[in-house]
PDB file of N, CA and C in Angstrom:
ATOM      1  N   UNK A   1     129.615 122.967 128.305  1.00  0.00           N
ATOM      2  CA  UNK A   1     128.529 123.183 129.245  1.00  0.00           C
ATOM      3  C   UNK A   1     128.764 122.312 130.479  1.00  0.00           C
ATOM      4  N   UNK A   2     128.566 122.856 131.679  1.00  0.00           N
ATOM      5  CA  UNK A   2     128.803 122.056 132.877  1.00  0.00           C
ATOM      6  C   UNK A   2     127.740 120.979 133.050  1.00  0.00           C
ATOM      7  N   UNK A   3     128.152 119.947 133.736  1.00  0.00           N
ATOM      8  CA  UNK A   3     127.252 118.832 133.970  1.00  0.00           C
ATOM      9  C   UNK A   3     126.230 119.224 135.041  1.00  0.00           C
ATOM     10  N   UNK A   4     124.963 118.999 134.737  1.00  0.00           N
ATOM     11  CA  UNK A   4     123.905 119.310 135.699  1.00  0.00           C
ATOM     12  C   UNK A   4     123.860 118.227 136.758  1.00  0.00           C
ATOM     13  N   UNK A   5     123.758 118.654 138.005  1.00  0.00           N
ATOM     14  CA  UNK A   5     123.701 117.690 139.098  1.00  0.00           C
ATOM     15  C   UNK A   5     122.496 117.980 139.977  1.00  0.00           C
ATOM     16  N   UNK A   6     122.159 116.988 140.758  1.00  0.00           N
ATOM     17  CA  UNK A   6     121.116 117.097 141.783  1.00  0.00           C
ATOM     18  C   UNK A   6     119.772 117.482 141.165  1.00  0.00           C
ATOM     19  N   UNK A   7     119.281 116.626 140.294  1.00  0.00           N
ATOM     20  CA  UNK A   7     118.006 116.869 139.628  1.00  0.00           C
ATOM     21  C   UNK A   7     116.847 116.897 140.620  1.00  0.00           C
ATOM     22  N   UNK A   8     116.976 116.163 141.727  1.00  0.00           N
ATOM     23  CA  UNK A   8     115.890 116.114 142.704  1.00  0.00           C
ATOM     24  C   UNK A   8     115.635 117.497 143.288  1.00  0.00           C
ATOM     25  N   UNK A   9     116.702 118.197 143.698  1.00  0.00           N
ATOM     26  CA  UNK A   9     116.544 119.529 144.281  1.00  0.00           C
ATOM     27  C   UNK A   9     116.076 120.530 143.230  1.00  0.00           C
ATOM     28  N   UNK A  10     116.616 120.416 142.005  1.00  0.00           N
ATOM     29  CA  UNK A  10     116.209 121.349 140.942  1.00  0.00           C
ATOM     30  C   UNK A  10     114.730 121.185 140.636  1.00  0.00           C
ATOM     31  N   UNK A  11     114.284 119.935 140.526  1.00  0.00           N
ATOM     32  CA  UNK A  11     112.874 119.686 140.225  1.00  0.00           C
ATOM     33  C   UNK A  11     111.991 120.169 141.367  1.00  0.00           C
ATOM     34  N   UNK A  12     112.433 119.956 142.594  1.00  0.00           N
ATOM     35  CA  UNK A  12     111.633 120.393 143.739  1.00  0.00           C
ATOM     36  C   UNK A  12     111.505 121.919 143.759  1.00  0.00           C
ATOM     37  N   UNK A  13     112.599 122.607 143.445  1.00  0.00           N
ATOM     38  CA  UNK A  13     112.564 124.066 143.427  1.00  0.00           C
ATOM     39  C   UNK A  13     111.603 124.563 142.347  1.00  0.00           C
ATOM     40  N   UNK A  14     111.696 123.956 141.166  1.00  0.00           N
ATOM     41  CA  UNK A  14     110.802 124.369 140.077  1.00  0.00           C
ATOM     42  C   UNK A  14     109.348 124.040 140.404  1.00  0.00           C
ATOM     43  N   UNK A  15     109.137 122.898 141.019  1.00  0.00           N
ATOM     44  CA  UNK A  15     107.786 122.484 141.377  1.00  0.00           C
ATOM     45  C   UNK A  15     107.180 123.449 142.395  1.00  0.00           C
ATOM     46  N   UNK A  16     108.011 123.922 143.330  1.00  0.00           N
ATOM     47  CA  UNK A  16     107.538 124.865 144.335  1.00  0.00           C
ATOM     48  C   UNK A  16     107.099 126.175 143.678  1.00  0.00           C
ATOM     49  N   UNK A  17     107.890 126.656 142.718  1.00  0.00           N
ATOM     50  CA  UNK A  17     107.544 127.908 142.040  1.00  0.00           C
ATOM     51  C   UNK A  17     106.296 127.722 141.188  1.00  0.00           C
ATOM     52  N   UNK A  18     106.199 126.586 140.484  1.00  0.00           N
ATOM     53  CA  UNK A  18     105.021 126.339 139.656  1.00  0.00           C
ATOM     54  C   UNK A  18     103.770 126.179 140.520  1.00  0.00           C
ATOM     55  N   UNK A  19     103.935 125.647 141.718  1.00  0.00           N
ATOM     56  CA  UNK A  19     102.793 125.542 142.618  1.00  0.00           C
ATOM     57  C   UNK A  19     102.328 126.934 143.056  1.00  0.00           C
ATOM     58  N   UNK A  20     103.292 127.844 143.272  1.00  0.00           N
ATOM     59  CA  UNK A  20     102.934 129.212 143.633  1.00  0.00           C
ATOM     60  C   UNK A  20     102.259 129.946 142.472  1.00  0.00           C
ATOM     61  N   UNK A  21     102.544 129.500 141.241  1.00  0.00           N
ATOM     62  CA  UNK A  21     101.975 130.154 140.053  1.00  0.00           C
ATOM     63  C   UNK A  21     100.599 129.594 139.698  1.00  0.00           C
ATOM     64  N   UNK A  22     100.102 128.679 140.474  1.00  0.00           N
ATOM     65  CA  UNK A  22      98.803 128.101 140.190  1.00  0.00           C
ATOM     66  C   UNK A  22      97.731 129.185 140.232  1.00  0.00           C
ATOM     67  N   UNK A  23      96.846 129.207 139.245  1.00  0.00           N
ATOM     68  CA  UNK A  23      95.809 130.223 139.166  1.00  0.00           C
ATOM     69  C   UNK A  23      96.154 131.363 138.223  1.00  0.00           C
ATOM     70  N   UNK A  24      97.401 131.436 137.793  1.00  0.00           N
ATOM     71  CA  UNK A  24      97.774 132.455 136.815  1.00  0.00           C
ATOM     72  C   UNK A  24      97.227 132.051 135.444  1.00  0.00           C
ATOM     73  N   UNK A  25      97.193 133.007 134.519  1.00  0.00           N
ATOM     74  CA  UNK A  25      96.591 132.774 133.214  1.00  0.00           C
ATOM     75  C   UNK A  25      97.662 132.476 132.173  1.00  0.00           C
ATOM     76  N   UNK A  26      97.360 131.562 131.254  1.00  0.00           N
ATOM     77  CA  UNK A  26      98.241 131.282 130.118  1.00  0.00           C
ATOM     78  C   UNK A  26      99.531 130.598 130.530  1.00  0.00           C
ATOM     79  N   UNK A  27     100.631 130.974 129.861  1.00  0.00           N
ATOM     80  CA  UNK A  27     101.917 130.329 130.125  1.00  0.00           C
ATOM     81  C   UNK A  27     102.492 130.696 131.486  1.00  0.00           C
ATOM     82  N   UNK A  28     101.919 131.688 132.128  1.00  0.00           N
ATOM     83  CA  UNK A  28     102.428 132.101 133.442  1.00  0.00           C
ATOM     84  C   UNK A  28     102.264 130.999 134.478  1.00  0.00           C
ATOM     85  N   UNK A  29     101.370 130.040 134.228  1.00  0.00           N
ATOM     86  CA  UNK A  29     101.131 129.004 135.224  1.00  0.00           C
ATOM     87  C   UNK A  29     101.905 127.717 134.979  1.00  0.00           C
ATOM     88  N   UNK A  30     102.424 127.483 133.749  1.00  0.00           N
ATOM     89  CA  UNK A  30     103.021 126.171 133.502  1.00  0.00           C
ATOM     90  C   UNK A  30     104.352 126.188 132.755  1.00  0.00           C
ATOM     91  N   UNK A  31     104.840 127.344 132.337  1.00  0.00           N
ATOM     92  CA  UNK A  31     106.152 127.418 131.696  1.00  0.00           C
ATOM     93  C   UNK A  31     107.127 127.993 132.715  1.00  0.00           C
ATOM     94  N   UNK A  32     108.212 127.254 132.966  1.00  0.00           N
ATOM     95  CA  UNK A  32     109.104 127.572 134.069  1.00  0.00           C
ATOM     96  C   UNK A  32     109.608 129.006 134.044  1.00  0.00           C
ATOM     97  N   UNK A  33     110.172 129.452 132.909  1.00  0.00           N
ATOM     98  CA  UNK A  33     110.797 130.774 132.881  1.00  0.00           C
ATOM     99  C   UNK A  33     109.758 131.881 133.059  1.00  0.00           C
ATOM    100  N   UNK A  34     108.609 131.722 132.440  1.00  0.00           N
ATOM    101  CA  UNK A  34     107.551 132.736 132.554  1.00  0.00           C
ATOM    102  C   UNK A  34     106.965 132.722 133.965  1.00  0.00           C
ATOM    103  N   UNK A  35     106.733 131.522 134.499  1.00  0.00           N
ATOM    104  CA  UNK A  35     106.149 131.402 135.833  1.00  0.00           C
ATOM    105  C   UNK A  35     107.102 131.950 136.895  1.00  0.00           C
ATOM    106  N   UNK A  36     108.400 131.687 136.727  1.00  0.00           N
ATOM    107  CA  UNK A  36     109.382 132.173 137.693  1.00  0.00           C
ATOM    108  C   UNK A  36     109.349 133.694 137.773  1.00  0.00           C
ATOM    109  N   UNK A  37     109.326 134.353 136.608  1.00  0.00           N
ATOM    110  CA  UNK A  37     109.263 135.814 136.579  1.00  0.00           C
ATOM    111  C   UNK A  37     107.965 136.333 137.198  1.00  0.00           C
ATOM    112  N   UNK A  38     106.848 135.662 136.878  1.00  0.00           N
ATOM    113  CA  UNK A  38     105.552 136.105 137.397  1.00  0.00           C
ATOM    114  C   UNK A  38     105.486 135.957 138.910  1.00  0.00           C
ATOM    115  N   UNK A  39     106.018 134.851 139.424  1.00  0.00           N
ATOM    116  CA  UNK A  39     105.981 134.612 140.866  1.00  0.00           C
ATOM    117  C   UNK A  39     106.891 135.602 141.589  1.00  0.00           C
ATOM    118  N   UNK A  40     108.077 135.863 141.048  1.00  0.00           N
ATOM    119  CA  UNK A  40     108.987 136.831 141.676  1.00  0.00           C
ATOM    120  C   UNK A  40     108.344 138.213 141.727  1.00  0.00           C
ATOM    121  N   UNK A  41     107.697 138.600 140.627  1.00  0.00           N
ATOM    122  CA  UNK A  41     107.025 139.897 140.582  1.00  0.00           C
ATOM    123  C   UNK A  41     105.889 139.934 141.601  1.00  0.00           C
ATOM    124  N   UNK A  42     105.132 138.837 141.687  1.00  0.00           N
ATOM    125  CA  UNK A  42     104.031 138.774 142.650  1.00  0.00           C
ATOM    126  C   UNK A  42     104.513 138.864 144.078  1.00  0.00           C
ATOM    127  N   UNK A  43     105.625 138.198 144.390  1.00  0.00           N
ATOM    128  CA  UNK A  43     106.170 138.263 145.742  1.00  0.00           C
ATOM    129  C   UNK A  43     106.688 139.667 146.063  1.00  0.00           C
ATOM    130  N   UNK A  44     107.238 140.339 145.050  1.00  0.00           N
ATOM    131  CA  UNK A  44     107.687 141.722 145.242  1.00  0.00           C
ATOM    132  C   UNK A  44     106.504 142.623 145.562  1.00  0.00           C
ATOM    133  N   UNK A  45     105.421 142.467 144.806  1.00  0.00           N
ATOM    134  CA  UNK A  45     104.218 143.256 145.068  1.00  0.00           C
ATOM    135  C   UNK A  45     103.661 142.953 146.454  1.00  0.00           C
ATOM    136  N   UNK A  46     103.674 141.682 146.844  1.00  0.00           N
ATOM    137  CA  UNK A  46     103.130 141.297 148.151  1.00  0.00           C
ATOM    138  C   UNK A  46     103.929 141.942 149.273  1.00  0.00           C
ATOM    139  N   UNK A  47     105.254 141.938 149.151  1.00  0.00           N
ATOM    140  CA  UNK A  47     106.107 142.548 150.172  1.00  0.00           C
ATOM    141  C   UNK A  47     105.847 144.049 150.262  1.00  0.00           C
ATOM    142  N   UNK A  48     105.787 144.693 149.088  1.00  0.00           N
ATOM    143  CA  UNK A  48     105.567 146.136 149.049  1.00  0.00           C
ATOM    144  C   UNK A  48     104.203 146.489 149.641  1.00  0.00           C
ATOM    145  N   UNK A  49     103.184 145.734 149.273  1.00  0.00           N
ATOM    146  CA  UNK A  49     101.828 146.110 149.656  1.00  0.00           C
ATOM    147  C   UNK A  49     101.487 145.735 151.089  1.00  0.00           C
ATOM    148  N   UNK A  50     102.271 144.870 151.722  1.00  0.00           N
ATOM    149  CA  UNK A  50     102.082 144.665 153.159  1.00  0.00           C
ATOM    150  C   UNK A  50     102.418 145.944 153.918  1.00  0.00           C
ATOM    151  N   UNK A  51     103.395 146.698 153.404  1.00  0.00           N
ATOM    152  CA  UNK A  51     103.740 147.976 154.015  1.00  0.00           C
ATOM    153  C   UNK A  51     102.686 149.044 153.664  1.00  0.00           C
ATOM    154  N   UNK A  52     102.240 149.036 152.409  1.00  0.00           N
ATOM    155  CA  UNK A  52     101.262 150.022 151.946  1.00  0.00           C
ATOM    156  C   UNK A  52      99.935 149.870 152.685  1.00  0.00           C
ATOM    157  N   UNK A  53      99.579 148.621 153.010  1.00  0.00           N
ATOM    158  CA  UNK A  53      98.324 148.371 153.708  1.00  0.00           C
ATOM    159  C   UNK A  53      98.288 149.084 155.052  1.00  0.00           C
ATOM    160  N   UNK A  54      99.405 149.091 155.748  1.00  0.00           N
ATOM    161  CA  UNK A  54      99.477 149.771 157.037  1.00  0.00           C
ATOM    162  C   UNK A  54      99.238 151.267 156.878  1.00  0.00           C
ATOM    163  N   UNK A  55      99.847 151.856 155.833  1.00  0.00           N
ATOM    164  CA  UNK A  55      99.654 153.277 155.566  1.00  0.00           C
ATOM    165  C   UNK A  55      98.199 153.585 155.246  1.00  0.00           C
ATOM    166  N   UNK A  56      97.603 152.738 154.406  1.00  0.00           N
ATOM    167  CA  UNK A  56      96.222 152.978 153.987  1.00  0.00           C
ATOM    168  C   UNK A  56      95.259 152.909 155.167  1.00  0.00           C
ATOM    169  N   UNK A  57      95.465 151.930 156.053  1.00  0.00           N
ATOM    170  CA  UNK A  57      94.574 151.811 157.197  1.00  0.00           C
ATOM    171  C   UNK A  57      94.740 152.980 158.156  1.00  0.00           C
ATOM    172  N   UNK A  58      95.972 153.427 158.367  1.00  0.00           N
ATOM    173  CA  UNK A  58      96.181 154.593 159.242  1.00  0.00           C
ATOM    174  C   UNK A  58      95.466 155.811 158.669  1.00  0.00           C
ATOM    175  N   UNK A  59      95.560 156.025 157.351  1.00  0.00           N
ATOM    176  CA  UNK A  59      94.870 157.154 156.709  1.00  0.00           C
ATOM    177  C   UNK A  59      93.354 157.028 156.875  1.00  0.00           C
ATOM    178  N   UNK A  60      92.829 155.811 156.748  1.00  0.00           N
ATOM    179  CA  UNK A  60      91.391 155.590 156.911  1.00  0.00           C
ATOM    180  C   UNK A  60      90.955 155.892 158.339  1.00  0.00           C
ATOM    181  N   UNK A  61      91.748 155.443 159.320  1.00  0.00           N
ATOM    182  CA  UNK A  61      91.404 155.724 160.717  1.00  0.00           C
ATOM    183  C   UNK A  61      91.405 157.222 160.991  1.00  0.00           C
ATOM    184  N   UNK A  62      92.379 157.925 160.432  1.00  0.00           N
ATOM    185  CA  UNK A  62      92.458 159.374 160.641  1.00  0.00           C
ATOM    186  C   UNK A  62      91.230 160.064 160.047  1.00  0.00           C
ATOM    187  N   UNK A  63      90.805 159.632 158.872  1.00  0.00           N
ATOM    188  CA  UNK A  63      89.620 160.224 158.247  1.00  0.00           C
ATOM    189  C   UNK A  63      88.376 159.989 159.089  1.00  0.00           C
ATOM    190  N   UNK A  64      88.255 158.786 159.638  1.00  0.00           N
ATOM    191  CA  UNK A  64      87.078 158.470 160.455  1.00  0.00           C
ATOM    192  C   UNK A  64      87.067 159.256 161.758  1.00  0.00           C
ATOM    193  N   UNK A  65      88.238 159.376 162.375  1.00  0.00           N
ATOM    194  CA  UNK A  65      88.312 160.162 163.619  1.00  0.00           C
ATOM    195  C   UNK A  65      88.002 161.623 163.328  1.00  0.00           C
ATOM    196  N   UNK A  66      88.531 162.134 162.225  1.00  0.00           N
ATOM    197  CA  UNK A  66      88.289 163.522 161.840  1.00  0.00           C
ATOM    198  C   UNK A  66      86.800 163.770 161.623  1.00  0.00           C
ATOM    199  N   UNK A  67      86.130 162.843 160.933  1.00  0.00           N
ATOM    200  CA  UNK A  67      84.691 163.000 160.701  1.00  0.00           C
ATOM    201  C   UNK A  67      83.926 162.990 162.019  1.00  0.00           C
ATOM    202  N   UNK A  68      84.352 162.112 162.936  1.00  0.00           N
ATOM    203  CA  UNK A  68      83.671 162.054 164.232  1.00  0.00           C
ATOM    204  C   UNK A  68      83.897 163.289 165.079  1.00  0.00           C
ATOM    205  N   UNK A  69      85.111 163.829 165.045  1.00  0.00           N
ATOM    206  CA  UNK A  69      85.389 165.010 165.869  1.00  0.00           C
ATOM    207  C   UNK A  69      84.756 166.269 165.286  1.00  0.00           C
ATOM    208  N   UNK A  70      84.628 166.339 163.972  1.00  0.00           N
ATOM    209  CA  UNK A  70      83.988 167.505 163.341  1.00  0.00           C
ATOM    210  C   UNK A  70      82.536 167.626 163.791  1.00  0.00           C
ATOM    211  N   UNK A  71      81.877 166.496 164.069  1.00  0.00           N
ATOM    212  CA  UNK A  71      80.496 166.547 164.560  1.00  0.00           C
ATOM    213  C   UNK A  71      80.410 167.207 165.930  1.00  0.00           C
ATOM    214  N   UNK A  72      81.519 167.194 166.657  1.00  0.00           N
ATOM    215  CA  UNK A  72      81.555 167.794 167.996  1.00  0.00           C
ATOM    216  C   UNK A  72      82.287 169.141 167.992  1.00  0.00           C
ATOM    217  N   UNK A  73      82.495 169.720 166.811  1.00  0.00           N
ATOM    218  CA  UNK A  73      83.074 171.052 166.703  1.00  0.00           C
ATOM    219  C   UNK A  73      84.557 171.126 167.004  1.00  0.00           C
ATOM    220  N   UNK A  74      85.290 170.083 166.633  1.00  0.00           N
ATOM    221  CA  UNK A  74      86.727 170.052 166.887  1.00  0.00           C
ATOM    222  C   UNK A  74      87.408 169.439 165.666  1.00  0.00           C
ATOM    223  N   UNK A  75      88.649 169.837 165.412  1.00  0.00           N
ATOM    224  CA  UNK A  75      89.381 169.230 164.302  1.00  0.00           C
ATOM    225  C   UNK A  75      90.153 168.013 164.798  1.00  0.00           C
ATOM    226  N   UNK A  76      90.624 167.230 163.863  1.00  0.00           N
ATOM    227  CA  UNK A  76      91.378 166.021 164.204  1.00  0.00           C
ATOM    228  C   UNK A  76      92.642 166.363 164.979  1.00  0.00           C
ATOM    229  N   UNK A  77      93.372 167.371 164.515  1.00  0.00           N
ATOM    230  CA  UNK A  77      94.654 167.687 165.156  1.00  0.00           C
ATOM    231  C   UNK A  77      94.444 168.225 166.568  1.00  0.00           C
ATOM    232  N   UNK A  78      93.423 169.040 166.757  1.00  0.00           N
ATOM    233  CA  UNK A  78      93.117 169.524 168.110  1.00  0.00           C
ATOM    234  C   UNK A  78      92.749 168.355 169.023  1.00  0.00           C
ATOM    235  N   UNK A  79      91.914 167.457 168.503  1.00  0.00           N
ATOM    236  CA  UNK A  79      91.467 166.314 169.296  1.00  0.00           C
ATOM    237  C   UNK A  79      92.636 165.427 169.694  1.00  0.00           C
ATOM    238  N   UNK A  80      93.504 165.095 168.740  1.00  0.00           N
ATOM    239  CA  UNK A  80      94.621 164.201 169.047  1.00  0.00           C
ATOM    240  C   UNK A  80      95.614 164.870 169.993  1.00  0.00           C
ATOM    241  N   UNK A  81      95.791 166.168 169.863  1.00  0.00           N
ATOM    242  CA  UNK A  81      96.650 166.879 170.795  1.00  0.00           C
ATOM    243  C   UNK A  81      96.119 166.796 172.216  1.00  0.00           C
ATOM    244  N   UNK A  82      94.811 166.977 172.356  1.00  0.00           N
ATOM    245  CA  UNK A  82      94.202 166.906 173.690  1.00  0.00           C
ATOM    246  C   UNK A  82      94.202 165.478 174.231  1.00  0.00           C
ATOM    247  N   UNK A  83      94.035 164.507 173.358  1.00  0.00           N
ATOM    248  CA  UNK A  83      94.076 163.099 173.787  1.00  0.00           C
ATOM    249  C   UNK A  83      95.439 162.786 174.383  1.00  0.00           C
ATOM    250  N   UNK A  84      96.495 163.259 173.738  1.00  0.00           N
ATOM    251  CA  UNK A  84      97.843 162.978 174.235  1.00  0.00           C
ATOM    252  C   UNK A  84      98.139 163.737 175.523  1.00  0.00           C
ATOM    253  N   UNK A  85      97.683 164.994 175.620  1.00  0.00           N
ATOM    254  CA  UNK A  85      97.957 165.759 176.843  1.00  0.00           C
ATOM    255  C   UNK A  85      97.173 165.224 178.037  1.00  0.00           C
ATOM    256  N   UNK A  86      95.976 164.664 177.781  1.00  0.00           N
ATOM    257  CA  UNK A  86      95.181 164.090 178.870  1.00  0.00           C
ATOM    258  C   UNK A  86      95.614 162.662 179.201  1.00  0.00           C
ATOM    259  N   UNK A  87      96.538 162.120 178.448  1.00  0.00           N
ATOM    260  CA  UNK A  87      97.073 160.789 178.746  1.00  0.00           C
ATOM    261  C   UNK A  87      96.116 159.651 178.446  1.00  0.00           C
ATOM    262  N   UNK A  88      95.248 159.834 177.471  1.00  0.00           N
ATOM    263  CA  UNK A  88      94.328 158.758 177.085  1.00  0.00           C
ATOM    264  C   UNK A  88      95.078 157.800 176.173  1.00  0.00           C
ATOM    265  N   UNK A  89      95.125 156.535 176.554  1.00  0.00           N
ATOM    266  CA  UNK A  89      95.936 155.537 175.854  1.00  0.00           C
ATOM    267  C   UNK A  89      95.123 154.754 174.830  1.00  0.00           C
ATOM    268  N   UNK A  90      94.344 155.427 174.013  1.00  0.00           N
ATOM    269  CA  UNK A  90      93.599 154.770 172.934  1.00  0.00           C
ATOM    270  C   UNK A  90      94.284 155.083 171.613  1.00  0.00           C
ATOM    271  N   UNK A  91      94.539 154.051 170.818  1.00  0.00           N
ATOM    272  CA  UNK A  91      95.189 154.284 169.533  1.00  0.00           C
ATOM    273  C   UNK A  91      94.159 154.674 168.470  1.00  0.00           C
ATOM    274  N   UNK A  92      94.654 155.012 167.297  1.00  0.00           N
ATOM    275  CA  UNK A  92      93.779 155.505 166.229  1.00  0.00           C
ATOM    276  C   UNK A  92      92.797 154.441 165.765  1.00  0.00           C
ATOM    277  N   UNK A  93      93.206 153.191 165.781  1.00  0.00           N
ATOM    278  CA  UNK A  93      92.317 152.111 165.346  1.00  0.00           C
ATOM    279  C   UNK A  93      91.095 152.025 166.253  1.00  0.00           C
ATOM    280  N   UNK A  94      91.322 152.093 167.549  1.00  0.00           N
ATOM    281  CA  UNK A  94      90.220 152.005 168.508  1.00  0.00           C
ATOM    282  C   UNK A  94      89.356 153.258 168.439  1.00  0.00           C
ATOM    283  N   UNK A  95      89.984 154.421 168.335  1.00  0.00           N
ATOM    284  CA  UNK A  95      89.210 155.666 168.249  1.00  0.00           C
ATOM    285  C   UNK A  95      88.345 155.691 166.997  1.00  0.00           C
ATOM    286  N   UNK A  96      88.883 155.197 165.883  1.00  0.00           N
ATOM    287  CA  UNK A  96      88.109 155.160 164.633  1.00  0.00           C
ATOM    288  C   UNK A  96      86.935 154.201 164.766  1.00  0.00           C
ATOM    289  N   UNK A  97      87.146 153.075 165.438  1.00  0.00           N
ATOM    290  CA  UNK A  97      86.059 152.119 165.641  1.00  0.00           C
ATOM    291  C   UNK A  97      84.971 152.723 166.526  1.00  0.00           C
ATOM    292  N   UNK A  98      85.387 153.444 167.557  1.00  0.00           N
ATOM    293  CA  UNK A  98      84.401 154.114 168.409  1.00  0.00           C
ATOM    294  C   UNK A  98      83.621 155.165 167.624  1.00  0.00           C
ATOM    295  N   UNK A  99      84.323 155.934 166.804  1.00  0.00           N
ATOM    296  CA  UNK A  99      83.662 156.988 166.024  1.00  0.00           C
ATOM    297  C   UNK A  99      82.651 156.409 165.048  1.00  0.00           C
ATOM    298  N   UNK A 100      82.966 155.253 164.479  1.00  0.00           N
ATOM    299  CA  UNK A 100      82.075 154.650 163.480  1.00  0.00           C
ATOM    300  C   UNK A 100      80.926 153.867 164.114  1.00  0.00           C
ATOM    301  N   UNK A 101      81.240 153.005 165.069  1.00  0.00           N
ATOM    302  CA  UNK A 101      80.266 152.023 165.546  1.00  0.00           C
ATOM    303  C   UNK A 101      79.653 152.347 166.905  1.00  0.00           C
ATOM    304  N   UNK A 102      80.314 153.208 167.680  1.00  0.00           N
ATOM    305  CA  UNK A 102      79.803 153.553 169.009  1.00  0.00           C
ATOM    306  C   UNK A 102      79.899 155.064 169.215  1.00  0.00           C
ATOM    307  N   UNK A 103      79.031 155.826 168.541  1.00  0.00           N
ATOM    308  CA  UNK A 103      79.165 157.281 168.600  1.00  0.00           C
ATOM    309  C   UNK A 103      78.980 157.860 170.003  1.00  0.00           C
ATOM    310  N   UNK A 104      78.178 157.207 170.845  1.00  0.00           N
ATOM    311  CA  UNK A 104      77.994 157.731 172.198  1.00  0.00           C
ATOM    312  C   UNK A 104      79.266 157.574 173.031  1.00  0.00           C
ATOM    313  N   UNK A 105      79.979 156.479 172.837  1.00  0.00           N
ATOM    314  CA  UNK A 105      81.247 156.283 173.541  1.00  0.00           C
ATOM    315  C   UNK A 105      82.297 157.269 173.028  1.00  0.00           C
ATOM    316  N   UNK A 106      82.292 157.499 171.714  1.00  0.00           N
ATOM    317  CA  UNK A 106      83.235 158.470 171.148  1.00  0.00           C
ATOM    318  C   UNK A 106      82.927 159.873 171.661  1.00  0.00           C
ATOM    319  N   UNK A 107      81.625 160.189 171.788  1.00  0.00           N
ATOM    320  CA  UNK A 107      81.238 161.498 172.322  1.00  0.00           C
ATOM    321  C   UNK A 107      81.735 161.663 173.765  1.00  0.00           C
ATOM    322  N   UNK A 108      81.726 160.572 174.532  1.00  0.00           N
ATOM    323  CA  UNK A 108      82.225 160.635 175.905  1.00  0.00           C
ATOM    324  C   UNK A 108      83.721 160.900 175.923  1.00  0.00           C
ATOM    325  N   UNK A 109      84.465 160.307 174.974  1.00  0.00           N
ATOM    326  CA  UNK A 109      85.917 160.558 174.888  1.00  0.00           C
ATOM    327  C   UNK A 109      86.155 162.011 174.518  1.00  0.00           C
ATOM    328  N   UNK A 110      85.390 162.526 173.556  1.00  0.00           N
ATOM    329  CA  UNK A 110      85.554 163.929 173.137  1.00  0.00           C
ATOM    330  C   UNK A 110      85.235 164.870 174.295  1.00  0.00           C
ATOM    331  N   UNK A 111      84.188 164.531 175.033  1.00  0.00           N
ATOM    332  CA  UNK A 111      83.800 165.378 176.175  1.00  0.00           C
ATOM    333  C   UNK A 111      84.858 165.349 177.268  1.00  0.00           C
ATOM    334  N   UNK A 112      85.506 164.197 177.452  1.00  0.00           N
ATOM    335  CA  UNK A 112      86.517 164.101 178.511  1.00  0.00           C
ATOM    336  C   UNK A 112      87.785 164.906 178.187  1.00  0.00           C
ATOM    337  N   UNK A 113      88.072 165.112 176.904  1.00  0.00           N
ATOM    338  CA  UNK A 113      89.263 165.875 176.541  1.00  0.00           C
ATOM    339  C   UNK A 113      88.985 167.364 176.352  1.00  0.00           C
ATOM    340  N   UNK A 114      87.710 167.759 176.193  1.00  0.00           N
ATOM    341  CA  UNK A 114      87.412 169.184 175.975  1.00  0.00           C
ATOM    342  C   UNK A 114      87.488 169.977 177.257  1.00  0.00           C
TER     343      UNK A 114
END
């Protein structure tokens, strides 16, 4: 078996992973091999779901804009097509916020593109 060296760095690395595992249940929080696997899996999920969050919010904005435009007798795709042809530089996040929280302002945007 090879001689282990640099215990300071090894301990620091393990301590960092165990610190990240704080709050986990059972051996996942204090046993090195179990905690290492749990933390790696958690970091994988975090990386994946940062991308998924963007998709989910875009879908939510589209649903809100669609609901707002249906009240004015237009579909989402028709509305977005007209928004782009009229050169209105509002993104979906802002349009969804207008549709939800400021219906009179959203109605003005719909009227300007019709």
